[in-house]
Amino acid sequence: MLNRMVMTRAPLRVTFVGGGTDLPFYYAKRDYGAVVSSAINKYIYVTVNRKFDSNIRVSYSKTEIVDSVDKIEHPTVREALRLLGIEDGIEIVSISDIPSRGTGLGSSSTFVVALLHALHSFKGEFVNADELAREAVKIEREILREEGGKQDQYIAAHGGINLIKFMSDGSVNMTSAISHDSNLKRIEDSLLLLYTDRERSSTEIHKDQILNSTEKMETYDEMKKLAEVTFKAICEGDVNALGEFMNMNWEMKKSLSNKISDRWIDEKYERAMKLGAKGGKLVGAGGGGFLLLVAEPEKHDSIAKELGLRKIDFKFSQSGSRVIFVGD
C-alpha cells in the first residue's frame, strides 16, 4: 500500500442510439446489442488518501466515518474496497461536475470506474481500461445485482466516441470513431444538452423495460440497427442524418416503457422540434435528467430559452479514466 494521495477522474457520457440493447435480457438472446455513445468533458473525480488512524472515511453527498468496511453504507464503495482487499485506514472523497444522481449521464458507473482506478493506483497497481470496466460491471451487475447495462462502465474507462457491441457470450467490442476533425467538430457543435431538473431512477425504468421485453424484442432489433448508420453519420459529420436517426430511436424507445417519457417531456421535445431541432432524446434510461438535441448552433440559445431549460456546454472527451495526481 502506498502512503500517498491519488486523484483520478472519469468522464460522463451521452448516448445517441441503441440504449437498452446493452441489457442482458436482449443481447443474450439476440447475438448482440449495439449502442453509440461518447464520453464528454464533464467528469467525476475521486481522491484517495491514507488516513492518519485505522478508520475509514468516505465523503460524497454525505460523510461516513466507520471502523470497518462492512459498516460502510455506500454500496459501491463498500464492495470496491472488498474486491481490492482494502480493510482500513483510508479516506475517499468524490466530487462531480454534474449532479450525480438520476441525470442519465452514467454517473453511478462513472463513479465506480474512477473509484476503482484510484484504489488500484493507491495500492501501486497498474490497471487497464478493459479491466476497470469489467470490475465495475462485476460490482454493479453481479455483486450488487443492480439492473442496467454496461455501456457506461466501458465509456467511462475508455473515453472517446464509440460504437459498442455487447456480445451474447458477455464480451464487449468497441470501435472508436476515426474521422476528420472537422466532421467531429460539426457534430459536436450541433449538440445541445439541456437539464430538465428532474431526477429519476434508471433501475426502476430498466425493471419496467425487462417486464415488457418479450413483446418488444422487435423494437429493440430496430434500435440496434440504427447503431451502425448513426456511427457512420457521426464519422462523416452528417448532422441531418444524426438528427433523423436519434429522432427515430427516441420514438421507438418511448414505446418500451411508460416510465421513459411523459406529457411534460413530450411537450418539451415537440416544442424543440418546431423551433428547429433535427432530433434528439433523453440521455440514458429516460424519465428526466438531460435532453440531448441536434440543431444548428445558432438556434441553441433560442431553443433553450423557449423551453426554459438550462443549457450545459460540453465537448467530446477522447480520454477515459485517468490518474491526474499522485502525491509525493
C-alpha atoms as a PDB file:
ATOM      1  CA  MET A   1       0.000   0.000   0.000  1.00  0.00           C
ATOM      2  CA  LEU A   2       1.268   3.474  -0.877  1.00  0.00           C
ATOM      3  CA  ASN A   3       1.226   6.230   1.747  1.00  0.00           C
ATOM      4  CA  ARG A   4       0.324   8.930  -0.747  1.00  0.00           C
ATOM      5  CA  MET A   5      -2.731  10.657  -2.142  1.00  0.00           C
ATOM      6  CA  VAL A   6      -4.120   9.702  -5.535  1.00  0.00           C
ATOM      7  CA  MET A   7      -6.735  11.571  -7.598  1.00  0.00           C
ATOM      8  CA  THR A   8      -8.499  10.142 -10.629  1.00  0.00           C
ATOM      9  CA  ARG A   9     -11.156  11.409 -12.996  1.00  0.00           C
ATOM     10  CA  ALA A  10     -13.510   9.550 -15.312  1.00  0.00           C
ATOM     11  CA  PRO A  11     -15.775  11.113 -17.956  1.00  0.00           C
ATOM     12  CA  LEU A  12     -19.548  11.146 -18.032  1.00  0.00           C
ATOM     13  CA  ARG A  13     -21.221  10.248 -21.326  1.00  0.00           C
ATOM     14  CA  VAL A  14     -24.045  10.971 -23.739  1.00  0.00           C
ATOM     15  CA  THR A  15     -25.785   8.249 -25.737  1.00  0.00           C
ATOM     16  CA  PHE A  16     -27.078   8.670 -29.274  1.00  0.00           C
ATOM     17  CA  VAL A  17     -28.908   5.441 -30.144  1.00  0.00           C
ATOM     18  CA  GLY A  18     -29.279   1.823 -29.077  1.00  0.00           C
ATOM     19  CA  GLY A  19     -29.653   2.268 -25.325  1.00  0.00           C
ATOM     20  CA  GLY A  20     -31.435  -0.745 -23.844  1.00  0.00           C
ATOM     21  CA  THR A  21     -29.857  -3.254 -26.212  1.00  0.00           C
ATOM     22  CA  ASP A  22     -26.928  -3.333 -23.766  1.00  0.00           C
ATOM     23  CA  LEU A  23     -29.182  -5.032 -21.215  1.00  0.00           C
ATOM     24  CA  PRO A  24     -28.543  -8.786 -20.843  1.00  0.00           C
ATOM     25  CA  PHE A  25     -32.158  -9.795 -21.453  1.00  0.00           C
ATOM     26  CA  TYR A  26     -31.653  -8.529 -25.007  1.00  0.00           C
ATOM     27  CA  TYR A  27     -28.082  -9.229 -26.108  1.00  0.00           C
ATOM     28  CA  ALA A  28     -28.028 -12.725 -24.570  1.00  0.00           C
ATOM     29  CA  LYS A  29     -30.938 -13.726 -26.823  1.00  0.00           C
ATOM     30  CA  ARG A  30     -30.179 -11.685 -29.957  1.00  0.00           C
ATOM     31  CA  ASP A  31     -26.477 -12.394 -30.647  1.00  0.00           C
ATOM     32  CA  TYR A  32     -25.502  -8.871 -29.661  1.00  0.00           C
ATOM     33  CA  GLY A  33     -26.709  -5.424 -28.660  1.00  0.00           C
ATOM     34  CA  ALA A  34     -25.245  -2.177 -30.006  1.00  0.00           C
ATOM     35  CA  VAL A  35     -25.096   1.422 -28.824  1.00  0.00           C
ATOM     36  CA  VAL A  36     -23.360   4.605 -29.941  1.00  0.00           C
ATOM     37  CA  SER A  37     -22.075   6.734 -27.070  1.00  0.00           C
ATOM     38  CA  SER A  38     -19.474   9.387 -26.396  1.00  0.00           C
ATOM     39  CA  ALA A  39     -17.535  10.468 -23.356  1.00  0.00           C
ATOM     40  CA  ILE A  40     -17.836  14.200 -22.635  1.00  0.00           C
ATOM     41  CA  ASN A  41     -15.635  16.684 -20.803  1.00  0.00           C
ATOM     42  CA  LYS A  42     -17.695  16.543 -17.628  1.00  0.00           C
ATOM     43  CA  TYR A  43     -16.099  14.357 -15.001  1.00  0.00           C
ATOM     44  CA  ILE A  44     -16.368  12.600 -11.683  1.00  0.00           C
ATOM     45  CA  TYR A  45     -13.262  12.936  -9.521  1.00  0.00           C
ATOM     46  CA  VAL A  46     -12.197  10.568  -6.762  1.00  0.00           C
ATOM     47  CA  THR A  47      -9.446  11.274  -4.249  1.00  0.00           C
ATOM     48  CA  VAL A  48      -7.984   8.503  -2.082  1.00  0.00           C
ATOM     49  CA  ASN A  49      -5.549   9.107   0.765  1.00  0.00           C
ATOM     50  CA  ARG A  50      -4.010   7.193   3.652  1.00  0.00           C
ATOM     51  CA  LYS A  51      -5.942   8.054   6.820  1.00  0.00           C
ATOM     52  CA  PHE A  52      -3.993   9.007   9.939  1.00  0.00           C
ATOM     53  CA  ASP A  53      -5.798   6.389  12.008  1.00  0.00           C
ATOM     54  CA  SER A  54      -7.292   2.987  11.125  1.00  0.00           C
ATOM     55  CA  ASN A  55     -10.824   4.244  10.450  1.00  0.00           C
ATOM     56  CA  ILE A  56     -12.423   4.615   7.024  1.00  0.00           C
ATOM     57  CA  ARG A  57     -13.779   7.998   5.929  1.00  0.00           C
ATOM     58  CA  VAL A  58     -15.993   8.239   2.853  1.00  0.00           C
ATOM     59  CA  SER A  59     -17.261  11.630   1.674  1.00  0.00           C
ATOM     60  CA  TYR A  60     -19.852  12.056  -1.108  1.00  0.00           C
ATOM     61  CA  SER A  61     -23.264  13.716  -0.647  1.00  0.00           C
ATOM     62  CA  LYS A  62     -22.827  12.671   2.987  1.00  0.00           C
ATOM     63  CA  THR A  63     -19.823  11.719   5.094  1.00  0.00           C
ATOM     64  CA  GLU A  64     -19.309   8.343   6.716  1.00  0.00           C
ATOM     65  CA  ILE A  65     -16.655   7.543   9.306  1.00  0.00           C
ATOM     66  CA  VAL A  66     -16.589   3.866  10.248  1.00  0.00           C
ATOM     67  CA  ASP A  67     -14.146   1.357  11.697  1.00  0.00           C
ATOM     68  CA  SER A  68     -14.717  -1.480   9.219  1.00  0.00           C
ATOM     69  CA  VAL A  69     -15.583  -1.983   5.553  1.00  0.00           C
ATOM     70  CA  ASP A  70     -18.742  -3.894   6.476  1.00  0.00           C
ATOM     71  CA  LYS A  71     -20.209  -0.773   8.122  1.00  0.00           C
ATOM     72  CA  ILE A  72     -19.947   1.420   5.016  1.00  0.00           C
ATOM     73  CA  GLU A  73     -23.424   2.379   3.799  1.00  0.00           C
ATOM     74  CA  HIS A  74     -22.397   3.377   0.274  1.00  0.00           C
ATOM     75  CA  PRO A  75     -22.754   0.039  -1.540  1.00  0.00           C
ATOM     76  CA  THR A  76     -20.273   0.532  -4.387  1.00  0.00           C
ATOM     77  CA  VAL A  77     -17.581   1.929  -2.086  1.00  0.00           C
ATOM     78  CA  ARG A  78     -18.043  -0.995   0.292  1.00  0.00           C
ATOM     79  CA  GLU A  79     -17.832  -3.583  -2.495  1.00  0.00           C
ATOM     80  CA  ALA A  80     -14.904  -1.891  -4.241  1.00  0.00           C
ATOM     81  CA  LEU A  81     -12.878  -1.993  -1.023  1.00  0.00           C
ATOM     82  CA  ARG A  82     -13.809  -5.637  -0.530  1.00  0.00           C
ATOM     83  CA  LEU A  83     -12.911  -6.509  -4.115  1.00  0.00           C
ATOM     84  CA  LEU A  84      -9.462  -4.929  -3.802  1.00  0.00           C
ATOM     85  CA  GLY A  85      -8.824  -6.230  -0.296  1.00  0.00           C
ATOM     86  CA  ILE A  86      -8.504  -2.844   1.436  1.00  0.00           C
ATOM     87  CA  GLU A  87      -9.653  -3.146   5.036  1.00  0.00           C
ATOM     88  CA  ASP A  88      -8.998   0.144   6.839  1.00  0.00           C
ATOM     89  CA  GLY A  89      -7.001   3.346   7.190  1.00  0.00           C
ATOM     90  CA  ILE A  90      -8.255   5.124   4.069  1.00  0.00           C
ATOM     91  CA  GLU A  91     -10.077   8.315   3.096  1.00  0.00           C
ATOM     92  CA  ILE A  92     -12.195   8.523  -0.063  1.00  0.00           C
ATOM     93  CA  VAL A  93     -13.682  11.766  -1.392  1.00  0.00           C
ATOM     94  CA  SER A  94     -15.718  12.198  -4.589  1.00  0.00           C
ATOM     95  CA  ILE A  95     -16.924  15.282  -6.454  1.00  0.00           C
ATOM     96  CA  SER A  96     -18.739  15.706  -9.754  1.00  0.00           C
ATOM     97  CA  ASP A  97     -19.023  18.366 -12.454  1.00  0.00           C
ATOM     98  CA  ILE A  98     -22.706  17.446 -12.918  1.00  0.00           C
ATOM     99  CA  PRO A  99     -25.419  16.434 -10.420  1.00  0.00           C
ATOM    100  CA  SER A 100     -24.574  12.815  -9.725  1.00  0.00           C
ATOM    101  CA  ARG A 101     -27.976  11.201  -9.232  1.00  0.00           C
ATOM    102  CA  GLY A 102     -30.640  10.392 -11.785  1.00  0.00           C
ATOM    103  CA  THR A 103     -29.334  12.584 -14.611  1.00  0.00           C
ATOM    104  CA  GLY A 104     -28.834   9.934 -17.300  1.00  0.00           C
ATOM    105  CA  LEU A 105     -25.155  10.676 -17.928  1.00  0.00           C
ATOM    106  CA  GLY A 106     -23.946   7.390 -16.434  1.00  0.00           C
ATOM    107  CA  SER A 107     -22.734   8.944 -13.187  1.00  0.00           C
ATOM    108  CA  SER A 108     -23.089   5.895 -10.931  1.00  0.00           C
ATOM    109  CA  SER A 109     -20.966   3.675 -13.175  1.00  0.00           C
ATOM    110  CA  THR A 110     -18.524   6.503 -13.879  1.00  0.00           C
ATOM    111  CA  PHE A 111     -18.005   6.890 -10.141  1.00  0.00           C
ATOM    112  CA  VAL A 112     -17.264   3.181  -9.748  1.00  0.00           C
ATOM    113  CA  VAL A 113     -14.696   3.300 -12.560  1.00  0.00           C
ATOM    114  CA  ALA A 114     -12.951   6.350 -11.087  1.00  0.00           C
ATOM    115  CA  LEU A 115     -13.026   4.797  -7.614  1.00  0.00           C
ATOM    116  CA  LEU A 116     -11.527   1.500  -8.754  1.00  0.00           C
ATOM    117  CA  HIS A 117      -8.834   3.340 -10.689  1.00  0.00           C
ATOM    118  CA  ALA A 118      -7.942   5.397  -7.608  1.00  0.00           C
ATOM    119  CA  LEU A 119      -7.869   2.349  -5.329  1.00  0.00           C
ATOM    120  CA  HIS A 120      -5.664   0.351  -7.702  1.00  0.00           C
ATOM    121  CA  SER A 121      -3.288   3.299  -8.018  1.00  0.00           C
ATOM    122  CA  PHE A 122      -3.272   3.777  -4.234  1.00  0.00           C
ATOM    123  CA  LYS A 123      -2.125   0.164  -3.958  1.00  0.00           C
ATOM    124  CA  GLY A 124       0.565   0.742  -6.580  1.00  0.00           C
ATOM    125  CA  GLU A 125      -1.199  -1.443  -9.154  1.00  0.00           C
ATOM    126  CA  PHE A 126      -1.498  -0.732 -12.878  1.00  0.00           C
ATOM    127  CA  VAL A 127      -4.927  -1.443 -14.348  1.00  0.00           C
ATOM    128  CA  ASN A 128      -6.035  -1.023 -17.962  1.00  0.00           C
ATOM    129  CA  ALA A 129      -9.355   0.280 -19.280  1.00  0.00           C
ATOM    130  CA  ASP A 130     -10.883  -3.133 -20.013  1.00  0.00           C
ATOM    131  CA  GLU A 131     -10.034  -4.366 -16.523  1.00  0.00           C
ATOM    132  CA  LEU A 132     -11.576  -1.264 -14.942  1.00  0.00           C
ATOM    133  CA  ALA A 133     -14.783  -1.695 -16.961  1.00  0.00           C
ATOM    134  CA  ARG A 134     -15.058  -5.408 -16.146  1.00  0.00           C
ATOM    135  CA  GLU A 135     -14.534  -4.808 -12.429  1.00  0.00           C
ATOM    136  CA  ALA A 136     -17.137  -2.026 -12.405  1.00  0.00           C
ATOM    137  CA  VAL A 137     -19.649  -4.304 -14.165  1.00  0.00           C
ATOM    138  CA  LYS A 138     -18.850  -7.077 -11.669  1.00  0.00           C
ATOM    139  CA  ILE A 139     -19.619  -4.800  -8.720  1.00  0.00           C
ATOM    140  CA  GLU A 140     -22.791  -3.232 -10.090  1.00  0.00           C
ATOM    141  CA  ARG A 141     -24.352  -6.078 -12.031  1.00  0.00           C
ATOM    142  CA  GLU A 142     -23.045  -9.249 -10.359  1.00  0.00           C
ATOM    143  CA  ILE A 143     -22.343  -8.391  -6.714  1.00  0.00           C
ATOM    144  CA  LEU A 144     -24.976  -5.701  -6.070  1.00  0.00           C
ATOM    145  CA  ARG A 145     -27.324  -7.096  -8.745  1.00  0.00           C
ATOM    146  CA  GLU A 146     -28.434  -3.638  -9.844  1.00  0.00           C
ATOM    147  CA  GLU A 147     -30.478  -3.639 -13.042  1.00  0.00           C
ATOM    148  CA  GLY A 148     -28.839  -1.990 -16.014  1.00  0.00           C
ATOM    149  CA  GLY A 149     -26.480  -2.387 -18.938  1.00  0.00           C
ATOM    150  CA  LYS A 150     -22.742  -1.990 -19.228  1.00  0.00           C
ATOM    151  CA  GLN A 151     -22.096   0.737 -21.778  1.00  0.00           C
ATOM    152  CA  ASP A 152     -21.473   3.319 -19.038  1.00  0.00           C
ATOM    153  CA  GLN A 153     -18.604   1.401 -17.472  1.00  0.00           C
ATOM    154  CA  TYR A 154     -16.847   0.908 -20.806  1.00  0.00           C
ATOM    155  CA  ILE A 155     -17.244   4.517 -21.951  1.00  0.00           C
ATOM    156  CA  ALA A 156     -16.021   5.848 -18.587  1.00  0.00           C
ATOM    157  CA  ALA A 157     -12.977   3.577 -18.728  1.00  0.00           C
ATOM    158  CA  HIS A 158     -12.089   4.088 -22.408  1.00  0.00           C
ATOM    159  CA  GLY A 159     -13.403   7.546 -23.368  1.00  0.00           C
ATOM    160  CA  GLY A 160     -13.949   8.627 -26.979  1.00  0.00           C
ATOM    161  CA  ILE A 161     -16.868   8.258 -29.386  1.00  0.00           C
ATOM    162  CA  ASN A 162     -17.667   4.579 -29.810  1.00  0.00           C
ATOM    163  CA  LEU A 163     -19.843   2.003 -31.448  1.00  0.00           C
ATOM    164  CA  ILE A 164     -20.065  -0.615 -28.706  1.00  0.00           C
ATOM    165  CA  LYS A 165     -21.332  -4.142 -29.292  1.00  0.00           C
ATOM    166  CA  PHE A 166     -22.359  -6.365 -26.397  1.00  0.00           C
ATOM    167  CA  MET A 167     -21.997  -9.967 -27.482  1.00  0.00           C
ATOM    168  CA  SER A 168     -24.190 -12.843 -26.300  1.00  0.00           C
ATOM    169  CA  ASP A 169     -21.166 -14.526 -24.697  1.00  0.00           C
ATOM    170  CA  GLY A 170     -20.658 -11.492 -22.436  1.00  0.00           C
ATOM    171  CA  SER A 171     -17.727  -9.979 -24.337  1.00  0.00           C
ATOM    172  CA  VAL A 172     -17.677  -6.340 -25.442  1.00  0.00           C
ATOM    173  CA  ASN A 173     -16.344  -4.997 -28.759  1.00  0.00           C
ATOM    174  CA  MET A 174     -15.585  -1.299 -29.114  1.00  0.00           C
ATOM    175  CA  THR A 175     -14.989   0.622 -32.344  1.00  0.00           C
ATOM    176  CA  SER A 176     -13.716   4.170 -31.859  1.00  0.00           C
ATOM    177  CA  ALA A 177     -14.671   6.935 -34.266  1.00  0.00           C
ATOM    178  CA  ILE A 178     -11.913   7.671 -36.752  1.00  0.00           C
ATOM    179  CA  SER A 179     -12.764  10.750 -38.754  1.00  0.00           C
ATOM    180  CA  HIS A 180     -11.525  14.110 -39.939  1.00  0.00           C
ATOM    181  CA  ASP A 181     -11.536  16.556 -37.032  1.00  0.00           C
ATOM    182  CA  SER A 182     -13.844  18.913 -38.923  1.00  0.00           C
ATOM    183  CA  ASN A 183     -16.523  16.200 -39.165  1.00  0.00           C
ATOM    184  CA  LEU A 184     -16.499  15.508 -35.443  1.00  0.00           C
ATOM    185  CA  LYS A 185     -16.403  19.249 -34.699  1.00  0.00           C
ATOM    186  CA  ARG A 186     -19.504  19.719 -36.872  1.00  0.00           C
ATOM    187  CA  ILE A 187     -21.314  17.055 -34.864  1.00  0.00           C
ATOM    188  CA  GLU A 188     -20.066  18.410 -31.545  1.00  0.00           C
ATOM    189  CA  ASP A 189     -21.185  21.947 -32.398  1.00  0.00           C
ATOM    190  CA  SER A 190     -24.680  20.716 -33.336  1.00  0.00           C
ATOM    191  CA  LEU A 191     -25.356  19.063 -29.983  1.00  0.00           C
ATOM    192  CA  LEU A 192     -27.443  20.915 -27.400  1.00  0.00           C
ATOM    193  CA  LEU A 193     -27.590  19.489 -23.882  1.00  0.00           C
ATOM    194  CA  LEU A 194     -30.406  20.759 -21.660  1.00  0.00           C
ATOM    195  CA  TYR A 195     -31.005  19.981 -17.990  1.00  0.00           C
ATOM    196  CA  THR A 196     -34.619  19.111 -17.185  1.00  0.00           C
ATOM    197  CA  ASP A 197     -34.042  19.478 -13.421  1.00  0.00           C
ATOM    198  CA  ARG A 198     -35.869  16.182 -12.940  1.00  0.00           C
ATOM    199  CA  GLU A 199     -34.160  13.196 -11.343  1.00  0.00           C
ATOM    200  CA  ARG A 200     -35.281   9.630 -11.950  1.00  0.00           C
ATOM    201  CA  SER A 201     -34.305   6.067 -11.065  1.00  0.00           C
ATOM    202  CA  SER A 202     -32.778   4.244 -14.033  1.00  0.00           C
ATOM    203  CA  THR A 203     -33.083   0.990 -12.074  1.00  0.00           C
ATOM    204  CA  GLU A 204     -36.879   1.292 -11.922  1.00  0.00           C
ATOM    205  CA  ILE A 205     -37.090   2.115 -15.635  1.00  0.00           C
ATOM    206  CA  HIS A 206     -34.885  -0.852 -16.521  1.00  0.00           C
ATOM    207  CA  LYS A 207     -37.039  -3.151 -14.381  1.00  0.00           C
ATOM    208  CA  ASP A 208     -40.123  -1.980 -16.243  1.00  0.00           C
ATOM    209  CA  GLN A 209     -38.399  -2.497 -19.606  1.00  0.00           C
ATOM    210  CA  ILE A 210     -37.482  -6.043 -18.622  1.00  0.00           C
ATOM    211  CA  LEU A 211     -41.077  -6.820 -17.637  1.00  0.00           C
ATOM    212  CA  ASN A 212     -42.256  -5.687 -21.084  1.00  0.00           C
ATOM    213  CA  SER A 213     -39.302  -7.112 -23.005  1.00  0.00           C
ATOM    214  CA  THR A 214     -40.853 -10.221 -24.563  1.00  0.00           C
ATOM    215  CA  GLU A 215     -43.360  -8.266 -26.635  1.00  0.00           C
ATOM    216  CA  LYS A 216     -40.864  -5.525 -27.503  1.00  0.00           C
ATOM    217  CA  MET A 217     -37.908  -7.502 -28.868  1.00  0.00           C
ATOM    218  CA  GLU A 218     -38.519  -6.418 -32.467  1.00  0.00           C
ATOM    219  CA  THR A 219     -38.394  -2.779 -31.383  1.00  0.00           C
ATOM    220  CA  TYR A 220     -35.017  -3.395 -29.772  1.00  0.00           C
ATOM    221  CA  ASP A 221     -33.921  -5.047 -33.035  1.00  0.00           C
ATOM    222  CA  GLU A 222     -34.771  -1.876 -34.944  1.00  0.00           C
ATOM    223  CA  MET A 223     -32.967   0.309 -32.403  1.00  0.00           C
ATOM    224  CA  LYS A 224     -29.888  -1.880 -32.712  1.00  0.00           C
ATOM    225  CA  LYS A 225     -29.931  -1.453 -36.496  1.00  0.00           C
ATOM    226  CA  LEU A 226     -29.692   2.300 -36.015  1.00  0.00           C
ATOM    227  CA  ALA A 227     -26.333   1.978 -34.267  1.00  0.00           C
ATOM    228  CA  GLU A 228     -24.272   1.246 -37.397  1.00  0.00           C
ATOM    229  CA  VAL A 229     -25.802   4.002 -39.547  1.00  0.00           C
ATOM    230  CA  THR A 230     -25.667   6.527 -36.697  1.00  0.00           C
ATOM    231  CA  PHE A 231     -21.998   5.813 -36.088  1.00  0.00           C
ATOM    232  CA  LYS A 232     -21.354   6.308 -39.818  1.00  0.00           C
ATOM    233  CA  ALA A 233     -23.252   9.616 -39.768  1.00  0.00           C
ATOM    234  CA  ILE A 234     -21.130  10.866 -36.852  1.00  0.00           C
ATOM    235  CA  CYS A 235     -17.871   9.870 -38.552  1.00  0.00           C
ATOM    236  CA  GLU A 236     -18.997  11.630 -41.748  1.00  0.00           C
ATOM    237  CA  GLY A 237     -20.167  14.743 -39.909  1.00  0.00           C
ATOM    238  CA  ASP A 238     -23.709  14.326 -41.229  1.00  0.00           C
ATOM    239  CA  VAL A 239     -25.757  16.411 -38.787  1.00  0.00           C
ATOM    240  CA  ASN A 240     -29.071  15.920 -40.596  1.00  0.00           C
ATOM    241  CA  ALA A 241     -28.761  12.136 -40.607  1.00  0.00           C
ATOM    242  CA  LEU A 242     -27.749  12.095 -36.936  1.00  0.00           C
ATOM    243  CA  GLY A 243     -30.833  14.104 -36.005  1.00  0.00           C
ATOM    244  CA  GLU A 244     -33.073  11.825 -38.064  1.00  0.00           C
ATOM    245  CA  PHE A 245     -31.683   8.636 -36.520  1.00  0.00           C
ATOM    246  CA  MET A 246     -31.866   9.977 -32.973  1.00  0.00           C
ATOM    247  CA  ASN A 247     -35.472  11.009 -33.523  1.00  0.00           C
ATOM    248  CA  MET A 248     -36.322   7.539 -34.838  1.00  0.00           C
ATOM    249  CA  ASN A 249     -34.592   5.962 -31.850  1.00  0.00           C
ATOM    250  CA  TRP A 250     -36.458   8.209 -29.399  1.00  0.00           C
ATOM    251  CA  GLU A 251     -39.861   7.425 -30.883  1.00  0.00           C
ATOM    252  CA  MET A 252     -39.143   3.687 -30.593  1.00  0.00           C
ATOM    253  CA  LYS A 253     -37.634   3.937 -27.140  1.00  0.00           C
ATOM    254  CA  LYS A 254     -40.715   5.689 -25.726  1.00  0.00           C
ATOM    255  CA  SER A 255     -42.786   2.637 -26.625  1.00  0.00           C
ATOM    256  CA  LEU A 256     -40.674   0.322 -24.440  1.00  0.00           C
ATOM    257  CA  SER A 257     -42.000   1.615 -21.094  1.00  0.00           C
ATOM    258  CA  ASN A 258     -44.437   4.264 -19.923  1.00  0.00           C
ATOM    259  CA  LYS A 259     -41.765   5.431 -17.472  1.00  0.00           C
ATOM    260  CA  ILE A 260     -39.403   6.646 -20.207  1.00  0.00           C
ATOM    261  CA  SER A 261     -41.376   9.755 -21.134  1.00  0.00           C
ATOM    262  CA  ASP A 262     -44.463  11.690 -20.046  1.00  0.00           C
ATOM    263  CA  ARG A 263     -46.589  14.579 -21.219  1.00  0.00           C
ATOM    264  CA  TRP A 264     -44.200  17.253 -19.893  1.00  0.00           C
ATOM    265  CA  ILE A 265     -41.197  15.687 -21.637  1.00  0.00           C
ATOM    266  CA  ASP A 266     -43.132  15.107 -24.862  1.00  0.00           C
ATOM    267  CA  GLU A 267     -44.244  18.739 -24.935  1.00  0.00           C
ATOM    268  CA  LYS A 268     -40.667  19.978 -24.447  1.00  0.00           C
ATOM    269  CA  TYR A 269     -39.401  17.697 -27.200  1.00  0.00           C
ATOM    270  CA  GLU A 270     -42.168  18.618 -29.658  1.00  0.00           C
ATOM    271  CA  ARG A 271     -41.577  22.304 -28.972  1.00  0.00           C
ATOM    272  CA  ALA A 272     -37.858  21.867 -29.637  1.00  0.00           C
ATOM    273  CA  MET A 273     -38.600  20.202 -32.980  1.00  0.00           C
ATOM    274  CA  LYS A 274     -40.858  23.093 -34.001  1.00  0.00           C
ATOM    275  CA  LEU A 275     -38.072  25.516 -33.066  1.00  0.00           C
ATOM    276  CA  GLY A 276     -35.671  23.831 -35.469  1.00  0.00           C
ATOM    277  CA  ALA A 277     -34.189  20.793 -33.718  1.00  0.00           C
ATOM    278  CA  LYS A 278     -33.477  17.933 -36.128  1.00  0.00           C
ATOM    279  CA  GLY A 279     -33.927  15.221 -33.498  1.00  0.00           C
ATOM    280  CA  GLY A 280     -32.893  14.200 -30.026  1.00  0.00           C
ATOM    281  CA  LYS A 281     -33.671  12.109 -26.976  1.00  0.00           C
ATOM    282  CA  LEU A 282     -33.468  11.989 -23.237  1.00  0.00           C
ATOM    283  CA  VAL A 283     -29.995  10.760 -22.361  1.00  0.00           C
ATOM    284  CA  GLY A 284     -29.847   7.459 -20.508  1.00  0.00           C
ATOM    285  CA  ALA A 285     -32.827   5.415 -19.400  1.00  0.00           C
ATOM    286  CA  GLY A 286     -35.296   8.302 -19.690  1.00  0.00           C
ATOM    287  CA  GLY A 287     -37.787   9.847 -17.290  1.00  0.00           C
ATOM    288  CA  GLY A 288     -35.773  13.028 -16.717  1.00  0.00           C
ATOM    289  CA  GLY A 289     -32.172  14.073 -16.457  1.00  0.00           C
ATOM    290  CA  PHE A 290     -30.770  15.646 -19.631  1.00  0.00           C
ATOM    291  CA  LEU A 291     -32.349  16.256 -23.031  1.00  0.00           C
ATOM    292  CA  LEU A 292     -29.866  15.968 -25.899  1.00  0.00           C
ATOM    293  CA  LEU A 293     -30.891  17.710 -29.131  1.00  0.00           C
ATOM    294  CA  VAL A 294     -29.355  18.081 -32.584  1.00  0.00           C
ATOM    295  CA  ALA A 295     -29.759  21.591 -34.001  1.00  0.00           C
ATOM    296  CA  GLU A 296     -27.835  24.247 -35.880  1.00  0.00           C
ATOM    297  CA  PRO A 297     -25.576  26.085 -33.373  1.00  0.00           C
ATOM    298  CA  GLU A 298     -27.217  29.446 -33.996  1.00  0.00           C
ATOM    299  CA  LYS A 299     -30.542  28.015 -32.768  1.00  0.00           C
ATOM    300  CA  HIS A 300     -29.243  26.632 -29.467  1.00  0.00           C
ATOM    301  CA  ASP A 301     -29.790  29.682 -27.288  1.00  0.00           C
ATOM    302  CA  SER A 302     -33.310  30.351 -28.565  1.00  0.00           C
ATOM    303  CA  ILE A 303     -34.351  26.695 -28.112  1.00  0.00           C
ATOM    304  CA  ALA A 304     -33.014  26.658 -24.549  1.00  0.00           C
ATOM    305  CA  LYS A 305     -34.754  29.940 -23.751  1.00  0.00           C
ATOM    306  CA  GLU A 306     -38.087  28.912 -25.262  1.00  0.00           C
ATOM    307  CA  LEU A 307     -38.032  25.577 -23.412  1.00  0.00           C
ATOM    308  CA  GLY A 308     -36.969  27.237 -20.159  1.00  0.00           C
ATOM    309  CA  LEU A 309     -34.202  24.701 -19.633  1.00  0.00           C
ATOM    310  CA  ARG A 310     -30.599  25.226 -18.585  1.00  0.00           C
ATOM    311  CA  LYS A 311     -28.050  24.770 -21.352  1.00  0.00           C
ATOM    312  CA  ILE A 312     -24.910  22.809 -20.472  1.00  0.00           C
ATOM    313  CA  ASP A 313     -21.904  23.471 -22.699  1.00  0.00           C
ATOM    314  CA  PHE A 314     -19.730  20.421 -23.328  1.00  0.00           C
ATOM    315  CA  LYS A 315     -17.251  18.851 -25.723  1.00  0.00           C
ATOM    316  CA  PHE A 316     -16.348  15.281 -26.600  1.00  0.00           C
ATOM    317  CA  SER A 317     -13.646  13.723 -24.446  1.00  0.00           C
ATOM    318  CA  GLN A 318     -11.177  11.341 -26.045  1.00  0.00           C
ATOM    319  CA  SER A 319      -9.657  10.275 -22.739  1.00  0.00           C
ATOM    320  CA  GLY A 320     -11.184   7.723 -20.409  1.00  0.00           C
ATOM    321  CA  SER A 321     -10.470   7.265 -16.713  1.00  0.00           C
ATOM    322  CA  ARG A 322      -7.045   8.546 -15.777  1.00  0.00           C
ATOM    323  CA  VAL A 323      -4.866   9.320 -12.788  1.00  0.00           C
ATOM    324  CA  ILE A 324      -4.467  13.098 -12.668  1.00  0.00           C
ATOM    325  CA  PHE A 325      -2.481  13.492  -9.444  1.00  0.00           C
ATOM    326  CA  VAL A 326      -0.201  11.385  -7.287  1.00  0.00           C
ATOM    327  CA  GLY A 327       1.186  12.941  -4.102  1.00  0.00           C
ATOM    328  CA  ASP A 328       4.810  12.711  -3.096  1.00  0.00           C
END
